[in-house]
Amino acid sequence: MSTTPTDNQTDRDDERNRDTLNTDTMQWVSALVALVGLYLVASPFIFEATDAATWNDTLVGTGIFLLGGYNFYRMSRDRLASVGVASLAILLGLWAVVSPYVIDMGSSELATGTTISGVVVALLAAYNAYANSSADAPDRARTRA
């Protein structure tokens, strides 16, 4: 008897050693980023806002929504999220954190909401970028036996 592994056993070992990412779970991170982007779009119309704050939150929120939605779509198709897109969402989130200190927002509620939204987007997008950059392959929970 030979002690060398068979081809099937070697293939199974390679599968176990791959760093897979469960896209079912990670796509909800992107969905949360997109929802926070929608909140940013709506917030100047909910709270008192200057024209500059309205444009800022609407444009930044739309960008965050589109970036989060794109990564959600990619992962719903069993692909890894784009690290570049997640990185751009991080930058937009960081701008949302800084913008109340640069632009007159018109109300403290809007400034606080924009800052908190920016922190949430930056953290979630950073986690998404990190997890997807270190993964070798996507994996769906519902397709596993």
N, C-alpha and C. Protein backbone atom coordinates (compact mmCIF):
# COMPACT_ATOMS: atom_id res chain seq x y z
N MET A 1 0.83 -1.18 0.00
CA MET A 1 0.00 0.00 0.00
C MET A 1 0.87 1.23 0.00
N SER A 2 0.43 2.16 -0.77
CA SER A 2 1.16 3.41 -0.91
C SER A 2 0.64 4.44 0.10
N THR A 3 1.53 5.26 0.62
CA THR A 3 1.12 6.30 1.56
C THR A 3 0.95 7.65 0.87
N THR A 4 1.08 7.68 -0.46
CA THR A 4 0.89 8.94 -1.18
C THR A 4 -0.60 9.22 -1.32
N PRO A 5 -0.97 10.47 -1.20
CA PRO A 5 -2.39 10.79 -1.29
C PRO A 5 -2.91 10.61 -2.72
N THR A 6 -4.14 10.25 -2.81
CA THR A 6 -4.75 10.11 -4.13
C THR A 6 -5.06 11.50 -4.67
N ASP A 7 -5.35 11.55 -5.96
CA ASP A 7 -5.67 12.84 -6.58
C ASP A 7 -6.90 13.47 -5.94
N ASN A 8 -7.91 12.67 -5.60
CA ASN A 8 -9.13 13.20 -4.98
C ASN A 8 -8.83 13.78 -3.60
N GLN A 9 -7.97 13.11 -2.84
CA GLN A 9 -7.63 13.60 -1.51
C GLN A 9 -6.85 14.91 -1.62
N THR A 10 -5.96 15.01 -2.58
CA THR A 10 -5.19 16.23 -2.78
C THR A 10 -6.11 17.39 -3.16
N ASP A 11 -7.08 17.13 -4.02
CA ASP A 11 -8.04 18.16 -4.41
C ASP A 11 -8.85 18.64 -3.21
N ARG A 12 -9.27 17.72 -2.34
CA ARG A 12 -10.03 18.10 -1.15
C ARG A 12 -9.17 18.92 -0.19
N ASP A 13 -7.90 18.55 -0.05
CA ASP A 13 -7.00 19.33 0.81
C ASP A 13 -6.81 20.74 0.26
N ASP A 14 -6.68 20.86 -1.06
CA ASP A 14 -6.54 22.19 -1.67
C ASP A 14 -7.79 23.02 -1.43
N GLU A 15 -8.97 22.40 -1.52
CA GLU A 15 -10.22 23.10 -1.27
C GLU A 15 -10.28 23.61 0.17
N ARG A 16 -9.83 22.79 1.13
CA ARG A 16 -9.86 23.20 2.54
C ARG A 16 -8.88 24.32 2.83
N ASN A 17 -7.76 24.37 2.10
CA ASN A 17 -6.74 25.38 2.34
C ASN A 17 -7.06 26.71 1.67
N ARG A 18 -8.02 26.74 0.76
CA ARG A 18 -8.40 28.00 0.12
C ARG A 18 -9.16 28.86 1.10
N ASP A 19 -8.94 30.15 1.03
CA ASP A 19 -9.65 31.09 1.88
C ASP A 19 -10.91 31.54 1.15
N THR A 20 -12.04 30.91 1.48
CA THR A 20 -13.29 31.23 0.82
C THR A 20 -14.05 32.26 1.64
N LEU A 21 -14.92 32.99 0.97
CA LEU A 21 -15.71 34.03 1.60
C LEU A 21 -17.17 33.73 1.35
N ASN A 22 -17.96 33.71 2.40
CA ASN A 22 -19.39 33.47 2.27
C ASN A 22 -20.04 34.75 1.78
N THR A 23 -20.40 34.78 0.51
CA THR A 23 -20.97 35.99 -0.08
C THR A 23 -22.40 36.26 0.40
N ASP A 24 -23.09 35.23 0.90
CA ASP A 24 -24.43 35.47 1.45
C ASP A 24 -24.36 36.45 2.61
N THR A 25 -23.39 36.27 3.46
CA THR A 25 -23.24 37.15 4.62
C THR A 25 -22.65 38.49 4.22
N MET A 26 -21.64 38.48 3.40
CA MET A 26 -20.95 39.71 3.05
C MET A 26 -21.78 40.63 2.16
N GLN A 27 -22.72 40.09 1.41
CA GLN A 27 -23.52 40.97 0.58
C GLN A 27 -24.40 41.87 1.42
N TRP A 28 -24.73 41.43 2.64
CA TRP A 28 -25.54 42.29 3.51
C TRP A 28 -24.74 43.45 4.06
N VAL A 29 -23.43 43.30 4.15
CA VAL A 29 -22.58 44.44 4.53
C VAL A 29 -22.68 45.51 3.45
N SER A 30 -22.63 45.10 2.19
CA SER A 30 -22.78 46.05 1.09
C SER A 30 -24.18 46.65 1.07
N ALA A 31 -25.18 45.86 1.41
CA ALA A 31 -26.55 46.38 1.45
C ALA A 31 -26.67 47.45 2.53
N LEU A 32 -26.04 47.24 3.67
CA LEU A 32 -26.08 48.26 4.73
C LEU A 32 -25.38 49.54 4.29
N VAL A 33 -24.27 49.40 3.57
CA VAL A 33 -23.59 50.59 3.04
C VAL A 33 -24.54 51.34 2.11
N ALA A 34 -25.23 50.63 1.23
CA ALA A 34 -26.16 51.27 0.30
C ALA A 34 -27.31 51.95 1.05
N LEU A 35 -27.81 51.32 2.09
CA LEU A 35 -28.90 51.93 2.86
C LEU A 35 -28.47 53.19 3.60
N VAL A 36 -27.26 53.19 4.11
CA VAL A 36 -26.75 54.40 4.75
C VAL A 36 -26.59 55.50 3.71
N GLY A 37 -26.20 55.13 2.48
CA GLY A 37 -26.13 56.09 1.39
C GLY A 37 -27.49 56.70 1.11
N LEU A 38 -28.54 55.88 1.13
CA LEU A 38 -29.90 56.41 0.94
C LEU A 38 -30.28 57.36 2.07
N TYR A 39 -29.88 57.03 3.29
CA TYR A 39 -30.15 57.94 4.41
C TYR A 39 -29.47 59.30 4.18
N LEU A 40 -28.23 59.27 3.70
CA LEU A 40 -27.54 60.52 3.43
C LEU A 40 -28.26 61.34 2.36
N VAL A 41 -28.81 60.69 1.36
CA VAL A 41 -29.56 61.40 0.33
C VAL A 41 -30.81 62.05 0.93
N ALA A 42 -31.49 61.34 1.80
CA ALA A 42 -32.75 61.83 2.36
C ALA A 42 -32.58 62.84 3.50
N SER A 43 -31.47 62.75 4.22
CA SER A 43 -31.32 63.55 5.44
C SER A 43 -31.41 65.07 5.24
N PRO A 44 -30.90 65.67 4.16
CA PRO A 44 -31.06 67.12 4.04
C PRO A 44 -32.52 67.55 3.84
N PHE A 45 -33.36 66.62 3.41
CA PHE A 45 -34.77 66.93 3.21
C PHE A 45 -35.58 66.66 4.48
N ILE A 46 -34.98 65.97 5.42
CA ILE A 46 -35.63 65.70 6.71
C ILE A 46 -35.28 66.78 7.72
N PHE A 47 -34.01 67.17 7.75
CA PHE A 47 -33.52 68.18 8.69
C PHE A 47 -33.27 69.49 7.96
N GLU A 48 -33.17 70.57 8.72
CA GLU A 48 -32.85 71.87 8.14
C GLU A 48 -31.44 71.81 7.55
N ALA A 49 -31.30 72.25 6.30
CA ALA A 49 -30.01 72.15 5.63
C ALA A 49 -29.78 73.36 4.73
N THR A 50 -28.52 73.72 4.59
CA THR A 50 -28.14 74.75 3.62
C THR A 50 -28.10 74.13 2.23
N ASP A 51 -28.00 74.99 1.22
CA ASP A 51 -27.91 74.47 -0.16
C ASP A 51 -26.64 73.63 -0.35
N ALA A 52 -25.54 74.08 0.22
CA ALA A 52 -24.28 73.34 0.09
C ALA A 52 -24.38 71.97 0.76
N ALA A 53 -25.01 71.92 1.93
CA ALA A 53 -25.17 70.64 2.63
C ALA A 53 -26.11 69.71 1.86
N THR A 54 -27.14 70.27 1.25
CA THR A 54 -28.06 69.45 0.46
C THR A 54 -27.34 68.82 -0.72
N TRP A 55 -26.57 69.62 -1.45
CA TRP A 55 -25.81 69.09 -2.58
C TRP A 55 -24.78 68.07 -2.11
N ASN A 56 -24.07 68.40 -1.04
CA ASN A 56 -23.04 67.50 -0.54
C ASN A 56 -23.62 66.14 -0.16
N ASP A 57 -24.63 66.15 0.70
CA ASP A 57 -25.18 64.88 1.18
C ASP A 57 -25.87 64.10 0.05
N THR A 58 -26.51 64.82 -0.88
CA THR A 58 -27.17 64.14 -1.99
C THR A 58 -26.16 63.47 -2.91
N LEU A 59 -25.11 64.18 -3.26
CA LEU A 59 -24.10 63.60 -4.16
C LEU A 59 -23.30 62.49 -3.49
N VAL A 60 -22.85 62.73 -2.27
CA VAL A 60 -22.06 61.72 -1.55
C VAL A 60 -22.93 60.49 -1.26
N GLY A 61 -24.16 60.71 -0.82
CA GLY A 61 -25.07 59.60 -0.54
C GLY A 61 -25.40 58.78 -1.77
N THR A 62 -25.59 59.45 -2.91
CA THR A 62 -25.85 58.73 -4.16
C THR A 62 -24.64 57.89 -4.56
N GLY A 63 -23.45 58.46 -4.41
CA GLY A 63 -22.24 57.70 -4.72
C GLY A 63 -22.09 56.47 -3.83
N ILE A 64 -22.33 56.66 -2.55
CA ILE A 64 -22.23 55.53 -1.60
C ILE A 64 -23.28 54.48 -1.93
N PHE A 65 -24.50 54.92 -2.24
CA PHE A 65 -25.56 53.98 -2.59
C PHE A 65 -25.19 53.15 -3.83
N LEU A 66 -24.68 53.81 -4.86
CA LEU A 66 -24.31 53.11 -6.08
C LEU A 66 -23.14 52.15 -5.87
N LEU A 67 -22.16 52.56 -5.09
CA LEU A 67 -21.00 51.70 -4.83
C LEU A 67 -21.40 50.48 -4.00
N GLY A 68 -22.18 50.71 -2.94
CA GLY A 68 -22.65 49.59 -2.13
C GLY A 68 -23.55 48.65 -2.92
N GLY A 69 -24.41 49.23 -3.77
CA GLY A 69 -25.30 48.42 -4.61
C GLY A 69 -24.53 47.60 -5.63
N TYR A 70 -23.47 48.17 -6.18
CA TYR A 70 -22.65 47.43 -7.14
C TYR A 70 -22.00 46.21 -6.49
N ASN A 71 -21.42 46.40 -5.31
CA ASN A 71 -20.80 45.26 -4.63
C ASN A 71 -21.85 44.24 -4.19
N PHE A 72 -23.03 44.70 -3.79
CA PHE A 72 -24.12 43.78 -3.46
C PHE A 72 -24.47 42.93 -4.69
N TYR A 73 -24.57 43.58 -5.84
CA TYR A 73 -24.89 42.87 -7.08
C TYR A 73 -23.81 41.85 -7.42
N ARG A 74 -22.54 42.24 -7.30
CA ARG A 74 -21.45 41.31 -7.61
C ARG A 74 -21.53 40.06 -6.72
N MET A 75 -21.75 40.26 -5.44
CA MET A 75 -21.78 39.11 -4.53
C MET A 75 -23.04 38.28 -4.71
N SER A 76 -24.13 38.89 -5.18
CA SER A 76 -25.34 38.10 -5.45
C SER A 76 -25.14 37.21 -6.68
N ARG A 77 -24.12 37.50 -7.47
CA ARG A 77 -23.76 36.68 -8.63
C ARG A 77 -22.58 35.76 -8.34
N ASP A 78 -22.33 35.48 -7.07
CA ASP A 78 -21.26 34.58 -6.63
C ASP A 78 -19.88 35.04 -7.05
N ARG A 79 -19.64 36.32 -7.01
CA ARG A 79 -18.32 36.88 -7.28
C ARG A 79 -17.89 37.65 -6.05
N LEU A 80 -16.61 37.84 -5.91
CA LEU A 80 -16.11 38.65 -4.80
C LEU A 80 -16.43 40.12 -5.07
N ALA A 81 -16.57 40.89 -4.01
CA ALA A 81 -16.80 42.32 -4.15
C ALA A 81 -15.54 42.99 -4.69
N SER A 82 -15.72 44.09 -5.34
CA SER A 82 -14.60 44.85 -5.87
C SER A 82 -13.94 45.63 -4.73
N VAL A 83 -12.67 45.38 -4.51
CA VAL A 83 -11.94 46.07 -3.45
C VAL A 83 -11.78 47.55 -3.80
N GLY A 84 -11.61 47.86 -5.08
CA GLY A 84 -11.49 49.24 -5.51
C GLY A 84 -12.77 50.02 -5.24
N VAL A 85 -13.91 49.42 -5.52
CA VAL A 85 -15.20 50.06 -5.27
C VAL A 85 -15.40 50.26 -3.77
N ALA A 86 -15.06 49.26 -2.98
CA ALA A 86 -15.18 49.39 -1.52
C ALA A 86 -14.24 50.47 -1.00
N SER A 87 -13.06 50.59 -1.59
CA SER A 87 -12.11 51.63 -1.18
C SER A 87 -12.63 53.02 -1.50
N LEU A 88 -13.28 53.16 -2.64
CA LEU A 88 -13.88 54.45 -2.98
C LEU A 88 -15.01 54.78 -2.00
N ALA A 89 -15.77 53.77 -1.59
CA ALA A 89 -16.82 54.00 -0.59
C ALA A 89 -16.22 54.43 0.74
N ILE A 90 -15.05 53.89 1.09
CA ILE A 90 -14.36 54.32 2.31
C ILE A 90 -14.03 55.81 2.21
N LEU A 91 -13.50 56.23 1.07
CA LEU A 91 -13.15 57.63 0.89
C LEU A 91 -14.37 58.54 0.98
N LEU A 92 -15.48 58.13 0.38
CA LEU A 92 -16.70 58.92 0.47
C LEU A 92 -17.21 58.97 1.91
N GLY A 93 -17.10 57.85 2.62
CA GLY A 93 -17.49 57.83 4.03
C GLY A 93 -16.63 58.75 4.87
N LEU A 94 -15.33 58.77 4.59
CA LEU A 94 -14.44 59.68 5.33
C LEU A 94 -14.76 61.14 5.00
N TRP A 95 -15.12 61.42 3.74
CA TRP A 95 -15.53 62.78 3.40
C TRP A 95 -16.80 63.15 4.17
N ALA A 96 -17.73 62.22 4.30
CA ALA A 96 -18.96 62.50 5.06
C ALA A 96 -18.64 62.81 6.53
N VAL A 97 -17.60 62.20 7.06
CA VAL A 97 -17.18 62.49 8.44
C VAL A 97 -16.63 63.91 8.53
N VAL A 98 -15.84 64.31 7.56
CA VAL A 98 -15.15 65.60 7.60
C VAL A 98 -16.05 66.74 7.14
N SER A 99 -16.98 66.48 6.24
CA SER A 99 -17.75 67.55 5.59
C SER A 99 -18.50 68.49 6.55
N PRO A 100 -19.06 68.03 7.67
CA PRO A 100 -19.72 68.99 8.56
C PRO A 100 -18.76 70.05 9.13
N TYR A 101 -17.48 69.74 9.16
CA TYR A 101 -16.50 70.70 9.67
C TYR A 101 -16.03 71.65 8.57
N VAL A 102 -16.31 71.29 7.31
CA VAL A 102 -15.87 72.10 6.18
C VAL A 102 -17.04 72.91 5.60
N ILE A 103 -18.22 72.33 5.60
CA ILE A 103 -19.42 72.93 5.01
C ILE A 103 -20.40 73.27 6.12
N ASP A 104 -21.04 74.43 6.02
CA ASP A 104 -22.10 74.77 6.96
C ASP A 104 -23.31 73.89 6.66
N MET A 105 -23.69 73.06 7.60
CA MET A 105 -24.76 72.10 7.38
C MET A 105 -26.15 72.69 7.62
N GLY A 106 -26.26 73.70 8.42
CA GLY A 106 -27.56 74.31 8.67
C GLY A 106 -28.22 73.86 9.96
N SER A 107 -27.93 72.67 10.42
CA SER A 107 -28.47 72.19 11.70
C SER A 107 -27.53 71.17 12.31
N SER A 108 -27.54 71.11 13.63
CA SER A 108 -26.66 70.16 14.31
C SER A 108 -27.12 68.72 14.09
N GLU A 109 -28.43 68.51 13.89
CA GLU A 109 -28.93 67.16 13.64
C GLU A 109 -28.38 66.61 12.33
N LEU A 110 -28.37 67.46 11.30
CA LEU A 110 -27.85 67.02 10.01
C LEU A 110 -26.35 66.77 10.10
N ALA A 111 -25.63 67.64 10.79
CA ALA A 111 -24.18 67.46 10.93
C ALA A 111 -23.86 66.17 11.67
N THR A 112 -24.59 65.91 12.75
CA THR A 112 -24.37 64.69 13.52
C THR A 112 -24.72 63.45 12.69
N GLY A 113 -25.84 63.48 11.99
CA GLY A 113 -26.26 62.35 11.17
C GLY A 113 -25.28 62.08 10.04
N THR A 114 -24.76 63.14 9.43
CA THR A 114 -23.79 62.98 8.35
C THR A 114 -22.50 62.37 8.88
N THR A 115 -22.04 62.85 10.03
CA THR A 115 -20.81 62.33 10.62
C THR A 115 -20.95 60.85 11.00
N ILE A 116 -22.03 60.51 11.66
CA ILE A 116 -22.25 59.11 12.07
C ILE A 116 -22.40 58.21 10.84
N SER A 117 -23.12 58.69 9.83
CA SER A 117 -23.27 57.91 8.59
C SER A 117 -21.92 57.67 7.94
N GLY A 118 -21.08 58.70 7.93
CA GLY A 118 -19.75 58.55 7.34
C GLY A 118 -18.90 57.53 8.07
N VAL A 119 -18.98 57.54 9.40
CA VAL A 119 -18.21 56.57 10.19
C VAL A 119 -18.71 55.15 9.89
N VAL A 120 -20.02 54.97 9.84
CA VAL A 120 -20.60 53.64 9.57
C VAL A 120 -20.19 53.15 8.18
N VAL A 121 -20.28 54.03 7.19
CA VAL A 121 -19.90 53.64 5.82
C VAL A 121 -18.42 53.29 5.76
N ALA A 122 -17.58 54.13 6.36
CA ALA A 122 -16.13 53.87 6.30
C ALA A 122 -15.79 52.54 6.96
N LEU A 123 -16.38 52.25 8.10
CA LEU A 123 -16.09 50.99 8.79
C LEU A 123 -16.60 49.77 8.02
N LEU A 124 -17.85 49.83 7.56
CA LEU A 124 -18.40 48.68 6.83
C LEU A 124 -17.69 48.46 5.50
N ALA A 125 -17.40 49.53 4.79
CA ALA A 125 -16.70 49.39 3.51
C ALA A 125 -15.26 48.90 3.73
N ALA A 126 -14.63 49.33 4.81
CA ALA A 126 -13.28 48.85 5.11
C ALA A 126 -13.29 47.36 5.41
N TYR A 127 -14.28 46.93 6.17
CA TYR A 127 -14.40 45.50 6.46
C TYR A 127 -14.66 44.71 5.18
N ASN A 128 -15.52 45.23 4.33
CA ASN A 128 -15.83 44.59 3.06
C ASN A 128 -14.57 44.48 2.19
N ALA A 129 -13.82 45.56 2.09
CA ALA A 129 -12.59 45.55 1.29
C ALA A 129 -11.58 44.56 1.86
N TYR A 130 -11.40 44.57 3.17
CA TYR A 130 -10.43 43.67 3.80
C TYR A 130 -10.82 42.20 3.58
N ALA A 131 -12.08 41.88 3.85
CA ALA A 131 -12.52 40.49 3.74
C ALA A 131 -12.43 39.99 2.30
N ASN A 132 -12.77 40.84 1.35
CA ASN A 132 -12.73 40.41 -0.05
C ASN A 132 -11.33 40.39 -0.62
N SER A 133 -10.43 41.22 -0.09
CA SER A 133 -9.06 41.19 -0.60
C SER A 133 -8.29 39.99 -0.10
N SER A 134 -8.65 39.46 1.06
CA SER A 134 -7.93 38.31 1.61
C SER A 134 -8.54 36.98 1.20
N ALA A 135 -9.69 37.01 0.53
CA ALA A 135 -10.35 35.76 0.11
C ALA A 135 -9.84 35.33 -1.25
N ASP A 136 -9.76 34.03 -1.43
CA ASP A 136 -9.34 33.47 -2.72
C ASP A 136 -10.53 33.17 -3.62
N ALA A 137 -11.66 32.82 -3.01
CA ALA A 137 -12.80 32.40 -3.80
C ALA A 137 -14.09 32.68 -3.05
N PRO A 138 -15.17 32.98 -3.78
CA PRO A 138 -16.46 33.14 -3.13
C PRO A 138 -17.07 31.80 -2.78
N ASP A 139 -17.94 31.79 -1.81
CA ASP A 139 -18.62 30.57 -1.40
C ASP A 139 -20.01 30.94 -0.94
N ARG A 140 -21.02 30.24 -1.43
CA ARG A 140 -22.41 30.50 -1.05
C ARG A 140 -22.82 29.48 -0.01
N ALA A 141 -23.44 29.92 1.05
CA ALA A 141 -23.86 29.02 2.12
C ALA A 141 -24.96 28.07 1.65
N ARG A 142 -25.87 28.55 0.83
CA ARG A 142 -26.99 27.71 0.43
C ARG A 142 -26.63 26.65 -0.61
N THR A 143 -25.47 26.76 -1.25
CA THR A 143 -25.07 25.76 -2.24
C THR A 143 -24.24 24.65 -1.64
N ARG A 144 -23.86 24.82 -0.38
CA ARG A 144 -23.07 23.76 0.28
C ARG A 144 -23.99 22.64 0.72
N ALA A 145 -23.49 21.44 0.64
CA ALA A 145 -24.29 20.28 1.06
C ALA A 145 -24.16 20.07 2.55
